[in-house]
Amino acid sequence: MTSEREAFERRLEAAVRGYVEAAPTEIDAARLTRSLATDVPRTRRLVPLPVWRLPSLGLAWILVLAALVTMLGMGLFASGALRDVQLLPVPPPPSPALETLPVVVASPPIATPVATPPPPSVPASPRTSPPPSASPAATAGSPQPGTTTSPPIGIVLPSGWFAGEQAWFQAALKATGYSAQILSSRDVATEKAAVEALISRGIKVLILTPQDSAAAVAAAEAARAAGVTVIANDRLILDTAAVDYLVTFDNVAIGAAQAQFLIDKAGATKGNNLYLYAGNAVDSNTFLFFEGAWEKLQPRIADGTFVIRNSSVAVGLQGNPTLTHDQQAAIISQITTDWNPNTARTLAVGNLAAAPVAAKGTVFILAPNDATARAIADVFAADKDVTKAWVTGQDADKASVQYIIDGKQGMTVFKDPRKRVKAAVAAAVAFLKGGTPVATTTFYNGAIDVPATTSPIVTVTRANIQSALIDTGYYRASDFTGSWPGKP
């Protein structure tokens, strides 16, 4: 005799077979509902009561439902309802965002000649100090026939560099019809990231003003490995052959001009108090400036015109007309300002605190640039035992020009950055056209002699502010108060 369980199983099997056969054309929901309503009481009687009351509905009931769902899915697939379903592709994980750099894009991306630069030869560049005023922004030139849209020139400048530098680059580029992308760097790490970003965008020539002359090697060599020609802007990149050209000023001549000013003010007097200050020990320019100043001052130190008051190392080497790099480094370690006005101020305070009254009175101060010159001048002016301070500088900062007008600073060296920028752009264009820019000199960077061009410098005192800075359009007379010779 057929048991109730066997009878149920036969009915369930027949019902499922019927659903499968009907699936390609129809699924009768009402029929399914009636069958379940009919068979549930029987199923409940077949499953032990405690299991049936479990939240999971019992193992047997779950198996029944699973079988029905499976058969339903097979039917839908067979009917084509699921055949065309497409899963959306899983998006790839986002790539890490490149660190946003402080300044971006100089001239708009303009078509540029498809010129292949020659294999990199070797340049570099130095630098000196803070910023003057900016000239109006300009855009790059117009597209050339048969050109691409990717700017072929990449430019990386330290943040806080000359305020008008970007606008000057844009104006110089506009005159050539080429375009560039300009990024700024806060430190060595962001400098290298900026260079790598420009390389990835397909630049052919890199104009790099290094944060650190030695640490910039990694960025320069990354560019060289990518076939990019490297032009060092203002600061020399040290100890690498991955530099093709340097645009700068004659930094030895700058130091010599500062020293000559002090010599002229000392005249024939003897025993003049001399305080020496220098830039940053990792900046190649610091050594060039100091070299030029030392070679001018040393004969006057030897003959007693000047007495060094704030460097025991310099006193020990005062009989040497020239200094080795290591000897310069030893002196600079005692007188470095790091190009930082606060460091310069602290150093000057310490120097005066250690100096006897006899080492004060009229003082002659070799300050490396305008920002540090003002800080040092303020410290000496505040000392009651200092009666007069002749202070040097460089960069022709607007604030220092006012100090010169007011008699707080003696001179500055004007290195017109507009001329350096034009020289850098001209060199880049020469490389892009497959040529080589003219080199007027070379600078040894510890690995090679780097072909270079130097722009002229001008010693600025109160006597020639008008002709050197205002008549040339670098500043306006209205930028300053007080009077000076030739003021309109």
Protein backbone atom coordinates (compact mmCIF):
# COMPACT_ATOMS: atom_id res chain seq x y z
CA MET A 1 0.00 0.00 0.00
CA THR A 2 1.34 3.37 -0.98
CA SER A 3 2.21 5.51 2.01
CA GLU A 4 1.05 9.09 2.33
CA ARG A 5 4.68 10.31 1.91
CA GLU A 6 5.14 8.40 -1.32
CA ALA A 7 1.86 9.73 -2.66
CA PHE A 8 2.91 13.31 -1.88
CA GLU A 9 6.28 12.88 -3.52
CA ARG A 10 4.65 11.55 -6.69
CA ARG A 11 2.23 14.48 -6.80
CA LEU A 12 5.10 16.97 -6.21
CA GLU A 13 7.19 15.37 -8.96
CA ALA A 14 4.25 15.53 -11.38
CA ALA A 15 3.58 19.16 -10.46
CA VAL A 16 7.21 20.18 -10.98
CA ARG A 17 7.36 18.34 -14.32
CA GLY A 18 4.26 20.19 -15.40
CA TYR A 19 5.76 23.56 -14.47
CA VAL A 20 8.96 22.83 -16.36
CA GLU A 21 7.07 21.77 -19.47
CA ALA A 22 4.93 24.92 -19.31
CA ALA A 23 7.82 27.33 -18.48
CA PRO A 24 8.86 28.19 -22.06
CA THR A 25 5.40 29.61 -22.71
CA GLU A 26 3.66 30.35 -19.44
CA ILE A 27 3.95 30.25 -15.68
CA ASP A 28 0.60 29.93 -13.92
CA ALA A 29 1.01 31.68 -10.59
CA ALA A 30 -2.50 30.81 -9.52
CA ARG A 31 -1.93 27.10 -10.22
CA LEU A 32 1.28 27.17 -8.18
CA THR A 33 -0.49 28.86 -5.30
CA ARG A 34 -3.35 26.31 -5.33
CA SER A 35 -0.91 23.38 -5.35
CA LEU A 36 1.06 24.75 -2.44
CA ALA A 37 -2.15 25.41 -0.53
CA THR A 38 -3.23 21.82 -1.17
CA ASP A 39 0.10 20.20 -0.34
CA VAL A 40 1.20 22.28 2.65
CA PRO A 41 -1.02 20.42 5.13
CA ARG A 42 0.34 17.13 3.87
CA THR A 43 3.90 18.45 4.05
CA ARG A 44 3.35 19.61 7.60
CA ARG A 45 2.17 16.15 8.56
CA LEU A 46 5.31 14.60 6.98
CA VAL A 47 7.75 16.83 8.91
CA PRO A 48 8.13 16.47 12.68
CA LEU A 49 6.35 19.26 14.54
CA PRO A 50 9.39 20.79 16.30
CA VAL A 51 11.25 21.19 13.00
CA TRP A 52 8.21 22.71 11.27
CA ARG A 53 8.00 25.45 13.88
CA LEU A 54 11.62 26.56 13.46
CA PRO A 55 12.06 30.04 11.98
CA SER A 56 13.74 28.39 8.98
CA LEU A 57 10.40 26.62 8.21
CA GLY A 58 12.02 23.21 8.48
CA LEU A 59 14.55 21.47 6.31
CA ALA A 60 11.98 19.66 4.14
CA TRP A 61 10.03 22.83 3.38
CA ILE A 62 13.27 24.68 2.46
CA LEU A 63 14.17 21.88 0.06
CA VAL A 64 10.74 22.10 -1.54
CA LEU A 65 10.99 25.87 -2.02
CA ALA A 66 14.56 25.62 -3.35
CA ALA A 67 13.46 23.04 -5.91
CA LEU A 68 10.56 25.20 -7.04
CA VAL A 69 12.73 28.34 -7.35
CA THR A 70 15.38 26.43 -9.29
CA MET A 71 12.78 25.06 -11.69
CA LEU A 72 11.28 28.55 -12.08
CA GLY A 73 14.68 30.02 -12.96
CA MET A 74 15.34 27.28 -15.49
CA GLY A 75 12.05 28.05 -17.08
CA LEU A 76 12.73 31.76 -17.31
CA PHE A 77 16.18 31.13 -18.83
CA ALA A 78 14.71 28.73 -21.36
CA SER A 79 12.08 31.31 -22.31
CA GLY A 80 14.82 33.89 -22.96
CA ALA A 81 13.81 36.19 -20.11
CA LEU A 82 17.28 35.99 -18.53
CA ARG A 83 19.32 35.19 -21.62
CA ASP A 84 20.04 38.83 -22.48
CA VAL A 85 20.72 40.09 -18.98
CA GLN A 86 24.24 41.62 -18.80
CA LEU A 87 26.01 42.41 -15.59
CA LEU A 88 27.57 45.86 -15.39
CA PRO A 89 31.35 45.67 -15.35
CA VAL A 90 32.93 46.27 -11.96
CA PRO A 91 34.81 49.57 -12.18
CA PRO A 92 38.54 49.35 -11.47
CA PRO A 93 39.71 50.75 -8.14
CA PRO A 94 40.54 54.47 -8.46
CA SER A 95 44.20 55.24 -8.96
CA PRO A 96 45.80 57.40 -6.27
CA ALA A 97 45.39 61.09 -7.05
CA LEU A 98 48.53 62.98 -7.96
CA GLU A 99 49.27 65.59 -5.36
CA THR A 100 47.92 68.95 -6.42
CA LEU A 101 50.71 71.38 -6.96
CA PRO A 102 50.40 75.00 -5.90
CA VAL A 103 50.51 76.69 -9.32
CA VAL A 104 49.42 75.38 -12.68
CA VAL A 105 49.50 76.20 -16.35
CA ALA A 106 51.24 79.13 -17.79
CA SER A 107 50.20 79.79 -21.31
CA PRO A 108 47.16 78.05 -22.73
CA PRO A 109 47.94 74.79 -24.55
CA ILE A 110 48.85 76.08 -27.95
CA ALA A 111 49.84 74.12 -30.97
CA THR A 112 53.56 73.65 -31.13
CA PRO A 113 55.93 72.63 -33.88
CA VAL A 114 56.58 68.93 -34.03
CA ALA A 115 60.31 69.27 -33.66
CA THR A 116 62.39 66.56 -32.10
CA PRO A 117 65.04 67.92 -29.75
CA PRO A 118 68.58 66.64 -30.12
CA PRO A 119 69.86 64.12 -27.62
CA PRO A 120 70.38 65.90 -24.30
CA SER A 121 73.73 67.58 -23.96
CA VAL A 122 74.07 69.25 -20.56
CA PRO A 123 72.83 72.46 -18.76
CA ALA A 124 72.11 73.69 -15.27
CA SER A 125 71.19 76.78 -13.22
CA PRO A 126 71.62 78.83 -10.03
CA ARG A 127 69.44 81.26 -8.09
CA THR A 128 69.63 83.95 -5.49
CA SER A 129 66.70 85.37 -3.56
CA PRO A 130 63.08 86.62 -3.20
CA PRO A 131 60.66 88.40 -5.54
CA PRO A 132 60.03 91.80 -7.12
CA SER A 133 56.80 92.96 -8.75
CA ALA A 134 54.90 91.24 -11.53
CA SER A 135 54.20 92.53 -14.98
CA PRO A 136 50.79 91.88 -16.61
CA ALA A 137 50.05 88.30 -17.58
CA ALA A 138 50.31 87.34 -21.23
CA THR A 139 49.31 84.33 -23.26
CA ALA A 140 51.45 82.23 -25.52
CA GLY A 141 51.59 82.50 -29.27
CA SER A 142 49.18 81.22 -31.84
CA PRO A 143 49.20 77.73 -33.35
CA GLN A 144 51.59 76.93 -36.15
CA PRO A 145 50.68 74.85 -39.20
CA GLY A 146 51.35 71.14 -38.92
CA THR A 147 51.56 71.19 -35.14
CA THR A 148 50.32 69.21 -32.15
CA THR A 149 48.29 70.48 -29.21
CA SER A 150 50.52 69.23 -26.38
CA PRO A 151 52.72 72.05 -25.04
CA PRO A 152 56.32 71.01 -25.71
CA ILE A 153 57.87 73.05 -22.86
CA GLY A 154 57.47 72.30 -19.16
CA ILE A 155 58.52 74.85 -16.53
CA VAL A 156 58.91 74.22 -12.79
CA LEU A 157 59.45 77.18 -10.44
CA PRO A 158 59.78 77.26 -6.65
CA SER A 159 56.67 78.68 -4.96
CA GLY A 160 57.40 82.19 -3.74
CA TRP A 161 59.80 82.75 -6.65
CA PHE A 162 59.84 86.10 -8.45
CA ALA A 163 56.25 87.34 -8.44
CA GLY A 164 56.27 88.24 -12.12
CA GLU A 165 58.06 85.15 -13.39
CA GLN A 166 55.01 83.38 -14.83
CA ALA A 167 53.85 86.49 -16.66
CA TRP A 168 57.34 87.07 -18.04
CA PHE A 169 57.49 83.49 -19.30
CA GLN A 170 54.08 83.88 -20.91
CA ALA A 171 55.12 87.08 -22.64
CA ALA A 172 58.35 85.52 -23.90
CA LEU A 173 56.49 82.43 -25.12
CA LYS A 174 53.87 84.53 -26.90
CA ALA A 175 56.60 86.16 -28.93
CA THR A 176 57.78 82.74 -30.15
CA GLY A 177 54.41 81.10 -30.79
CA TYR A 178 55.25 78.21 -28.46
CA SER A 179 53.35 77.27 -25.31
CA ALA A 180 54.29 75.76 -21.98
CA GLN A 181 52.85 74.28 -18.82
CA ILE A 182 54.10 75.89 -15.61
CA LEU A 183 54.01 74.12 -12.25
CA SER A 184 55.39 75.26 -8.92
CA SER A 185 57.17 73.26 -6.24
CA ARG A 186 57.13 73.66 -2.49
CA ASP A 187 60.09 71.39 -1.83
CA VAL A 188 62.28 68.72 -3.41
CA ALA A 189 59.50 66.09 -3.34
CA THR A 190 56.86 68.25 -5.06
CA GLU A 191 59.52 69.43 -7.52
CA LYS A 192 60.18 65.85 -8.63
CA ALA A 193 56.42 65.12 -8.77
CA ALA A 194 55.92 68.19 -10.96
CA VAL A 195 58.71 67.14 -13.32
CA GLU A 196 57.27 63.62 -13.60
CA ALA A 197 53.80 65.03 -14.31
CA LEU A 198 55.18 67.17 -17.11
CA ILE A 199 57.11 64.22 -18.55
CA SER A 200 53.90 62.18 -18.61
CA ARG A 201 52.23 64.99 -20.58
CA GLY A 202 54.80 64.69 -23.32
CA ILE A 203 57.04 67.73 -22.90
CA LYS A 204 60.22 67.88 -24.98
CA VAL A 205 62.12 70.54 -23.02
CA LEU A 206 62.15 71.13 -19.25
CA ILE A 207 63.08 74.49 -17.72
CA LEU A 208 63.80 73.75 -14.06
CA THR A 209 64.63 76.16 -11.24
CA PRO A 210 65.81 73.73 -8.56
CA GLN A 211 64.82 73.97 -4.92
CA ASP A 212 68.15 72.39 -4.00
CA SER A 213 71.06 72.28 -6.44
CA ALA A 214 72.15 68.81 -5.30
CA ALA A 215 68.75 67.21 -4.70
CA ALA A 216 67.48 68.30 -8.14
CA VAL A 217 69.65 65.58 -9.69
CA ALA A 218 66.82 63.02 -9.40
CA ALA A 219 64.37 65.23 -11.29
CA ALA A 220 66.91 66.10 -13.99
CA GLU A 221 67.89 62.47 -14.51
CA ALA A 222 64.23 61.40 -14.71
CA ALA A 223 63.75 63.95 -17.49
CA ARG A 224 66.92 62.84 -19.28
CA ALA A 225 65.80 59.18 -19.11
CA ALA A 226 62.56 60.20 -20.84
CA GLY A 227 64.47 61.95 -23.63
CA VAL A 228 63.63 65.44 -22.36
CA THR A 229 66.20 68.23 -22.75
CA VAL A 230 66.93 69.96 -19.43
CA ILE A 231 67.57 73.69 -19.04
CA ALA A 232 68.57 74.83 -15.56
CA ASN A 233 67.06 78.21 -14.75
CA ASP A 234 69.17 80.51 -12.54
CA ARG A 235 70.48 77.74 -10.24
CA LEU A 236 73.06 75.17 -11.25
CA ILE A 237 72.10 71.49 -10.87
CA LEU A 238 75.08 69.74 -9.35
CA ASP A 239 76.90 66.43 -9.87
CA THR A 240 75.03 65.11 -12.92
CA ALA A 241 75.46 65.01 -16.66
CA ALA A 242 71.68 65.22 -17.10
CA VAL A 243 71.74 68.95 -17.81
CA ASP A 244 71.92 70.48 -21.27
CA TYR A 245 72.09 74.21 -20.65
CA LEU A 246 72.13 76.90 -17.96
CA VAL A 247 70.63 80.39 -18.04
CA THR A 248 71.80 82.58 -15.21
CA PHE A 249 73.72 85.68 -14.25
CA ASP A 250 77.42 85.95 -13.55
CA ASN A 251 77.14 85.07 -9.88
CA VAL A 252 80.85 85.53 -9.21
CA ALA A 253 80.51 89.05 -10.61
CA ILE A 254 77.55 89.68 -8.28
CA GLY A 255 79.65 88.85 -5.22
CA ALA A 256 82.46 91.02 -6.60
CA ALA A 257 80.05 93.96 -7.08
CA GLN A 258 78.89 93.70 -3.47
CA ALA A 259 82.47 93.63 -2.23
CA GLN A 260 83.47 96.55 -4.44
CA PHE A 261 80.72 98.68 -2.93
CA LEU A 262 82.12 98.06 0.56
CA ILE A 263 85.67 98.76 -0.62
CA ASP A 264 84.56 102.07 -2.16
CA LYS A 265 82.83 103.13 1.05
CA ALA A 266 85.84 102.22 3.19
CA GLY A 267 88.20 104.24 1.03
CA ALA A 268 91.70 104.59 2.48
CA THR A 269 90.68 104.06 6.11
CA LYS A 270 92.00 101.07 8.05
CA GLY A 271 90.55 98.75 10.67
CA ASN A 272 86.99 98.84 9.34
CA ASN A 273 84.62 96.36 10.99
CA LEU A 274 83.51 93.72 8.47
CA TYR A 275 80.60 91.33 9.03
CA LEU A 276 80.18 88.49 6.54
CA TYR A 277 76.90 86.72 5.75
CA ALA A 278 76.07 84.08 3.12
CA GLY A 279 73.09 82.30 1.61
CA ASN A 280 72.19 78.62 1.86
CA ALA A 281 74.91 75.97 1.93
CA VAL A 282 72.95 73.71 -0.46
CA ASP A 283 72.63 76.43 -3.10
CA SER A 284 75.47 76.48 -5.61
CA ASN A 285 74.98 80.23 -6.03
CA THR A 286 75.93 80.82 -2.42
CA PHE A 287 79.45 79.60 -3.15
CA LEU A 288 79.72 81.63 -6.37
CA PHE A 289 78.61 84.84 -4.65
CA PHE A 290 81.00 84.28 -1.77
CA GLU A 291 83.84 83.40 -4.13
CA GLY A 292 83.44 86.70 -5.99
CA ALA A 293 83.20 88.70 -2.78
CA TRP A 294 86.17 86.99 -1.10
CA GLU A 295 88.53 87.48 -4.03
CA LYS A 296 87.74 91.21 -3.98
CA LEU A 297 87.81 91.66 -0.21
CA GLN A 298 90.78 89.44 0.69
CA PRO A 299 93.53 91.87 -0.44
CA ARG A 300 91.86 94.59 1.64
CA ILE A 301 91.56 92.23 4.59
CA ALA A 302 95.23 91.35 4.25
CA ASP A 303 96.30 95.00 4.18
CA GLY A 304 94.24 95.91 7.25
CA THR A 305 91.44 97.85 5.53
CA PHE A 306 88.89 95.42 6.95
CA VAL A 307 88.82 93.36 10.14
CA ILE A 308 86.51 90.30 10.08
CA ARG A 309 84.33 90.34 13.21
CA ASN A 310 81.96 87.37 12.99
CA SER A 311 83.77 84.29 11.58
CA SER A 312 86.74 82.68 13.25
CA VAL A 313 87.18 80.38 10.24
CA ALA A 314 87.38 83.35 7.87
CA VAL A 315 89.93 85.00 10.14
CA GLY A 316 92.03 81.83 10.02
CA LEU A 317 91.91 81.79 6.20
CA GLN A 318 92.27 85.54 5.61
CA GLY A 319 95.73 85.08 4.11
CA ASN A 320 94.32 82.94 1.25
CA PRO A 321 93.57 84.95 -1.93
CA THR A 322 91.39 82.07 -3.14
CA LEU A 323 89.53 79.39 -1.22
CA THR A 324 88.80 75.77 -1.98
CA HIS A 325 85.20 74.60 -1.94
CA ASP A 326 85.73 72.97 1.45
CA GLN A 327 87.26 76.15 2.87
CA GLN A 328 84.33 78.17 1.60
CA ALA A 329 81.95 75.61 3.11
CA ALA A 330 83.65 75.93 6.49
CA ILE A 331 83.21 79.71 6.48
CA ILE A 332 79.64 79.54 5.14
CA SER A 333 78.68 77.13 7.94
CA GLN A 334 79.37 79.98 10.41
CA ILE A 335 77.66 82.77 8.47
CA THR A 336 74.77 81.07 6.61
CA THR A 337 71.36 82.75 6.61
CA ASP A 338 69.67 79.94 4.67
CA TRP A 339 68.24 82.79 2.57
CA ASN A 340 65.85 83.24 5.49
CA PRO A 341 65.35 86.72 7.02
CA ASN A 342 64.50 85.23 10.43
CA THR A 343 67.68 83.16 10.44
CA ALA A 344 69.65 86.21 9.33
CA ARG A 345 68.11 88.31 12.10
CA THR A 346 68.93 85.72 14.76
CA LEU A 347 72.49 85.38 13.50
CA ALA A 348 73.03 89.15 13.49
CA VAL A 349 71.69 89.48 17.02
CA GLY A 350 74.13 86.83 18.18
CA ASN A 351 77.03 88.46 16.33
CA LEU A 352 76.39 91.85 17.94
CA ALA A 353 75.88 90.32 21.38
CA ALA A 354 79.34 88.75 21.12
CA ALA A 355 81.01 91.84 19.65
CA PRO A 356 82.79 94.41 21.83
CA VAL A 357 81.97 98.09 21.41
CA ALA A 358 85.16 98.50 19.37
CA ALA A 359 83.75 96.08 16.77
CA LYS A 360 80.75 98.34 16.20
CA GLY A 361 80.69 102.04 15.30
CA THR A 362 80.79 102.16 11.48
CA VAL A 363 80.27 98.66 10.11
CA PHE A 364 80.52 97.12 6.67
CA ILE A 365 78.10 94.25 6.06
CA LEU A 366 78.29 91.73 3.23
CA ALA A 367 74.63 90.61 3.12
CA PRO A 368 73.88 88.02 0.42
CA ASN A 369 70.48 89.25 -0.80
CA ASP A 370 67.85 91.88 -0.17
CA ALA A 371 65.56 89.91 2.13
CA THR A 372 68.39 89.03 4.51
CA ALA A 373 69.95 92.49 4.07
CA ARG A 374 66.85 94.20 5.47
CA ALA A 375 66.69 91.86 8.46
CA ILE A 376 70.37 92.35 9.24
CA ALA A 377 70.19 96.13 8.70
CA ASP A 378 67.32 96.39 11.18
CA VAL A 379 69.30 94.54 13.85
CA PHE A 380 72.40 96.73 13.44
CA ALA A 381 70.29 99.90 13.32
CA ALA A 382 68.75 98.97 16.67
CA ASP A 383 72.15 98.67 18.38
CA LYS A 384 73.03 101.96 20.11
CA ASP A 385 76.75 101.39 19.54
CA VAL A 386 76.40 101.11 15.76
CA THR A 387 76.65 104.58 14.22
CA LYS A 388 76.57 103.69 10.53
CA ALA A 389 75.99 100.45 8.58
CA TRP A 390 76.88 99.98 4.92
CA VAL A 391 74.80 96.99 3.80
CA THR A 392 74.90 95.15 0.47
CA GLY A 393 72.12 93.17 -1.20
CA GLN A 394 70.88 91.76 -4.48
CA ASP A 395 67.61 91.26 -6.41
CA ALA A 396 66.36 94.85 -6.32
CA ASP A 397 63.38 93.93 -4.15
CA LYS A 398 60.90 96.76 -3.98
CA ALA A 399 61.24 96.91 -0.18
CA SER A 400 65.01 97.14 -0.44
CA VAL A 401 64.83 99.90 -3.04
CA GLN A 402 62.81 101.85 -0.47
CA TYR A 403 65.45 101.01 2.16
CA ILE A 404 68.13 102.42 -0.18
CA ILE A 405 66.09 105.60 -0.68
CA ASP A 406 65.72 105.89 3.12
CA GLY A 407 69.43 105.27 3.76
CA LYS A 408 68.95 101.91 5.54
CA GLN A 409 70.64 99.80 2.85
CA GLY A 410 73.56 100.86 0.72
CA MET A 411 73.11 98.98 -2.55
CA THR A 412 71.53 96.10 -4.38
CA VAL A 413 72.47 94.14 -7.48
CA PHE A 414 69.77 94.23 -10.14
CA LYS A 415 69.62 91.03 -12.16
CA ASP A 416 66.79 91.75 -14.56
CA PRO A 417 64.80 88.47 -14.45
CA ARG A 418 63.01 89.40 -17.67
CA LYS A 419 66.29 88.97 -19.55
CA ARG A 420 66.97 85.60 -17.92
CA VAL A 421 63.45 84.39 -18.79
CA LYS A 422 63.86 85.45 -22.42
CA ALA A 423 67.19 83.61 -22.55
CA ALA A 424 65.57 80.46 -21.14
CA VAL A 425 62.73 80.53 -23.68
CA ALA A 426 65.16 81.23 -26.54
CA ALA A 427 67.25 78.22 -25.49
CA ALA A 428 64.15 76.00 -25.31
CA VAL A 429 63.05 77.06 -28.79
CA ALA A 430 66.55 76.41 -30.17
CA PHE A 431 66.45 72.85 -28.79
CA LEU A 432 62.92 72.27 -30.11
CA LYS A 433 64.04 73.31 -33.59
CA GLY A 434 66.85 70.78 -33.47
CA GLY A 435 69.62 73.29 -32.83
CA THR A 436 71.80 74.25 -29.87
CA PRO A 437 71.60 77.61 -28.08
CA VAL A 438 74.70 79.77 -28.06
CA ALA A 439 76.82 79.36 -24.92
CA THR A 440 78.87 82.34 -23.75
CA THR A 441 80.54 80.41 -20.92
CA THR A 442 80.44 77.13 -19.02
CA PHE A 443 79.93 76.22 -15.37
CA TYR A 444 81.43 73.08 -13.86
CA ASN A 445 78.77 71.31 -11.80
CA GLY A 446 80.97 68.58 -10.33
CA ALA A 447 80.34 66.21 -13.22
CA ILE A 448 80.54 68.23 -16.45
CA ASP A 449 81.11 71.71 -17.82
CA VAL A 450 77.59 72.96 -18.43
CA PRO A 451 77.10 75.25 -21.45
CA ALA A 452 75.60 78.52 -20.23
CA THR A 453 74.66 82.07 -21.03
CA THR A 454 74.75 84.88 -18.47
CA SER A 455 72.65 88.03 -18.45
CA PRO A 456 74.14 91.39 -17.38
CA ILE A 457 73.94 92.76 -13.83
CA VAL A 458 73.66 96.35 -12.60
CA THR A 459 74.83 97.75 -9.26
CA VAL A 460 72.00 99.96 -7.95
CA THR A 461 72.48 102.71 -5.39
CA ARG A 462 70.34 105.71 -4.60
CA ALA A 463 72.15 107.55 -7.40
CA ASN A 464 70.84 105.38 -10.27
CA ILE A 465 67.47 104.06 -9.07
CA GLN A 466 65.75 106.15 -11.72
CA SER A 467 67.79 104.98 -14.71
CA ALA A 468 68.24 101.34 -13.67
CA LEU A 469 64.80 100.47 -12.31
CA ILE A 470 62.20 103.06 -13.25
CA ASP A 471 63.20 104.18 -16.73
CA THR A 472 63.51 100.51 -17.72
CA GLY A 473 59.88 99.88 -16.72
CA TYR A 474 60.71 97.43 -13.96
CA TYR A 475 59.16 99.68 -11.30
CA ARG A 476 57.09 102.88 -11.32
CA ALA A 477 58.15 106.02 -9.48
CA SER A 478 54.83 105.85 -7.60
CA ASP A 479 55.98 102.56 -6.02
CA PHE A 480 58.28 104.52 -3.70
CA THR A 481 58.20 107.45 -1.30
CA GLY A 482 60.86 110.06 -0.71
CA SER A 483 63.26 111.47 -3.24
CA TRP A 484 66.16 110.25 -5.34
CA PRO A 485 68.22 111.73 -8.15
CA GLY A 486 66.26 112.04 -11.38
CA LYS A 487 62.87 111.44 -9.79
CA PRO A 488 60.18 112.79 -12.17
